[in-house]
Amino acid sequence: MNKVLFFAHLRDAVGEEFLTVDASGKTVAELKADLAARYDLPRMETVMTAINEEFASNDEVIRNGDEIAFIPPVSGG
């Protein structure tokens, strides 16, 4: 199983700070697509992903026990 963390507007869209899902064997892109469809998540193409607190590319494969974080871009000034 995998813990998936959400930040900013993604947390609002999902309604939870995190979910526990079985993403083992999926790529980051596949997990993004699954979650976007399931929770109608906006702008997933601009979201950064971290696996076990290290930034990951969309083609990285998720392993059992990995913690995945989806971090939208931030703006400010």
C-alpha atoms as a PDB file:
ATOM      1  CA  MET A   1       0.000   0.000   0.000  1.00  0.00           C
ATOM      2  CA  ASN A   2       1.022   3.587  -0.549  1.00  0.00           C
ATOM      3  CA  LYS A   3       0.291   6.824   1.268  1.00  0.00           C
ATOM      4  CA  VAL A   4      -0.571   9.620  -1.155  1.00  0.00           C
ATOM      5  CA  LEU A   5      -0.332  13.171   0.212  1.00  0.00           C
ATOM      6  CA  PHE A   6      -2.149  16.145  -1.293  1.00  0.00           C
ATOM      7  CA  PHE A   7      -1.390  19.835  -0.908  1.00  0.00           C
ATOM      8  CA  ALA A   8      -3.208  23.129  -1.628  1.00  0.00           C
ATOM      9  CA  HIS A   9      -6.096  22.908  -4.129  1.00  0.00           C
ATOM     10  CA  LEU A  10      -5.616  19.143  -4.517  1.00  0.00           C
ATOM     11  CA  ARG A  11      -6.316  18.616  -0.808  1.00  0.00           C
ATOM     12  CA  ASP A  12      -9.489  20.669  -1.200  1.00  0.00           C
ATOM     13  CA  ALA A  13     -10.586  18.674  -4.264  1.00  0.00           C
ATOM     14  CA  VAL A  14      -9.983  15.282  -2.625  1.00  0.00           C
ATOM     15  CA  GLY A  15     -11.342  16.385   0.743  1.00  0.00           C
ATOM     16  CA  GLU A  16      -8.530  14.609   2.589  1.00  0.00           C
ATOM     17  CA  GLU A  17      -4.916  15.370   3.490  1.00  0.00           C
ATOM     18  CA  PHE A  18      -3.894  11.906   2.315  1.00  0.00           C
ATOM     19  CA  LEU A  19      -5.222   8.629   0.940  1.00  0.00           C
ATOM     20  CA  THR A  20      -3.965   5.089   1.261  1.00  0.00           C
ATOM     21  CA  VAL A  21      -4.013   3.351  -2.118  1.00  0.00           C
ATOM     22  CA  ASP A  22      -2.346   0.435  -3.870  1.00  0.00           C
ATOM     23  CA  ALA A  23      -0.185   2.179  -6.473  1.00  0.00           C
ATOM     24  CA  SER A  24       2.585  -0.411  -6.545  1.00  0.00           C
ATOM     25  CA  GLY A  25       3.789  -1.045 -10.102  1.00  0.00           C
ATOM     26  CA  LYS A  26       2.148   2.069 -11.554  1.00  0.00           C
ATOM     27  CA  THR A  27       4.065   4.994 -12.944  1.00  0.00           C
ATOM     28  CA  VAL A  28       3.570   8.448 -11.465  1.00  0.00           C
ATOM     29  CA  ALA A  29       1.691   9.421 -14.658  1.00  0.00           C
ATOM     30  CA  GLU A  30      -0.668   6.449 -14.290  1.00  0.00           C
ATOM     31  CA  LEU A  31      -1.387   7.301 -10.664  1.00  0.00           C
ATOM     32  CA  LYS A  32      -2.005  10.959 -11.565  1.00  0.00           C
ATOM     33  CA  ALA A  33      -4.460   9.885 -14.280  1.00  0.00           C
ATOM     34  CA  ASP A  34      -6.269   7.451 -11.960  1.00  0.00           C
ATOM     35  CA  LEU A  35      -6.642  10.015  -9.182  1.00  0.00           C
ATOM     36  CA  ALA A  36      -7.578  12.833 -11.575  1.00  0.00           C
ATOM     37  CA  ALA A  37     -10.409  10.720 -12.983  1.00  0.00           C
ATOM     38  CA  ARG A  38     -11.582   9.447  -9.597  1.00  0.00           C
ATOM     39  CA  TYR A  39     -11.546  12.810  -7.791  1.00  0.00           C
ATOM     40  CA  ASP A  40     -11.888  15.226 -10.732  1.00  0.00           C
ATOM     41  CA  LEU A  41      -8.515  16.769  -9.832  1.00  0.00           C
ATOM     42  CA  PRO A  42      -7.631  19.916 -11.759  1.00  0.00           C
ATOM     43  CA  ARG A  43      -4.355  20.755 -13.497  1.00  0.00           C
ATOM     44  CA  MET A  44      -2.493  17.512 -12.691  1.00  0.00           C
ATOM     45  CA  GLU A  45      -0.111  18.185 -15.609  1.00  0.00           C
ATOM     46  CA  THR A  46       1.433  21.077 -13.629  1.00  0.00           C
ATOM     47  CA  VAL A  47       1.742  19.176 -10.342  1.00  0.00           C
ATOM     48  CA  MET A  48       5.171  18.191  -9.037  1.00  0.00           C
ATOM     49  CA  THR A  49       5.513  14.724  -7.544  1.00  0.00           C
ATOM     50  CA  ALA A  50       7.767  13.490  -4.763  1.00  0.00           C
ATOM     51  CA  ILE A  51       8.333   9.866  -3.858  1.00  0.00           C
ATOM     52  CA  ASN A  52       9.746   9.347  -0.376  1.00  0.00           C
ATOM     53  CA  GLU A  53      10.505  13.083  -0.171  1.00  0.00           C
ATOM     54  CA  GLU A  54      12.518  13.181  -3.428  1.00  0.00           C
ATOM     55  CA  PHE A  55      11.174  14.736  -6.606  1.00  0.00           C
ATOM     56  CA  ALA A  56      10.161  12.133  -9.177  1.00  0.00           C
ATOM     57  CA  SER A  57       9.409  12.174 -12.893  1.00  0.00           C
ATOM     58  CA  ASN A  58       6.145  11.018 -14.444  1.00  0.00           C
ATOM     59  CA  ASP A  59       7.751   7.798 -15.705  1.00  0.00           C
ATOM     60  CA  GLU A  60       9.091   6.679 -12.320  1.00  0.00           C
ATOM     61  CA  VAL A  61       7.556   3.404 -11.113  1.00  0.00           C
ATOM     62  CA  ILE A  62       6.019   3.365  -7.647  1.00  0.00           C
ATOM     63  CA  ARG A  63       6.977   0.556  -5.283  1.00  0.00           C
ATOM     64  CA  ASN A  64       5.011  -0.930  -2.404  1.00  0.00           C
ATOM     65  CA  GLY A  65       5.409   1.232   0.699  1.00  0.00           C
ATOM     66  CA  ASP A  66       6.457   4.381  -1.174  1.00  0.00           C
ATOM     67  CA  GLU A  67       4.979   7.674   0.036  1.00  0.00           C
ATOM     68  CA  ILE A  68       3.850   9.886  -2.832  1.00  0.00           C
ATOM     69  CA  ALA A  69       3.221  13.620  -2.513  1.00  0.00           C
ATOM     70  CA  PHE A  70       1.514  15.782  -5.112  1.00  0.00           C
ATOM     71  CA  ILE A  71       2.610  19.405  -4.868  1.00  0.00           C
ATOM     72  CA  PRO A  72       0.938  22.029  -7.059  1.00  0.00           C
ATOM     73  CA  PRO A  73       2.862  25.077  -8.188  1.00  0.00           C
ATOM     74  CA  VAL A  74       2.690  28.004  -5.800  1.00  0.00           C
ATOM     75  CA  SER A  75       2.629  31.682  -6.498  1.00  0.00           C
ATOM     76  CA  GLY A  76       3.141  34.632  -4.305  1.00  0.00           C
ATOM     77  CA  GLY A  77       5.052  37.738  -3.901  1.00  0.00           C
END
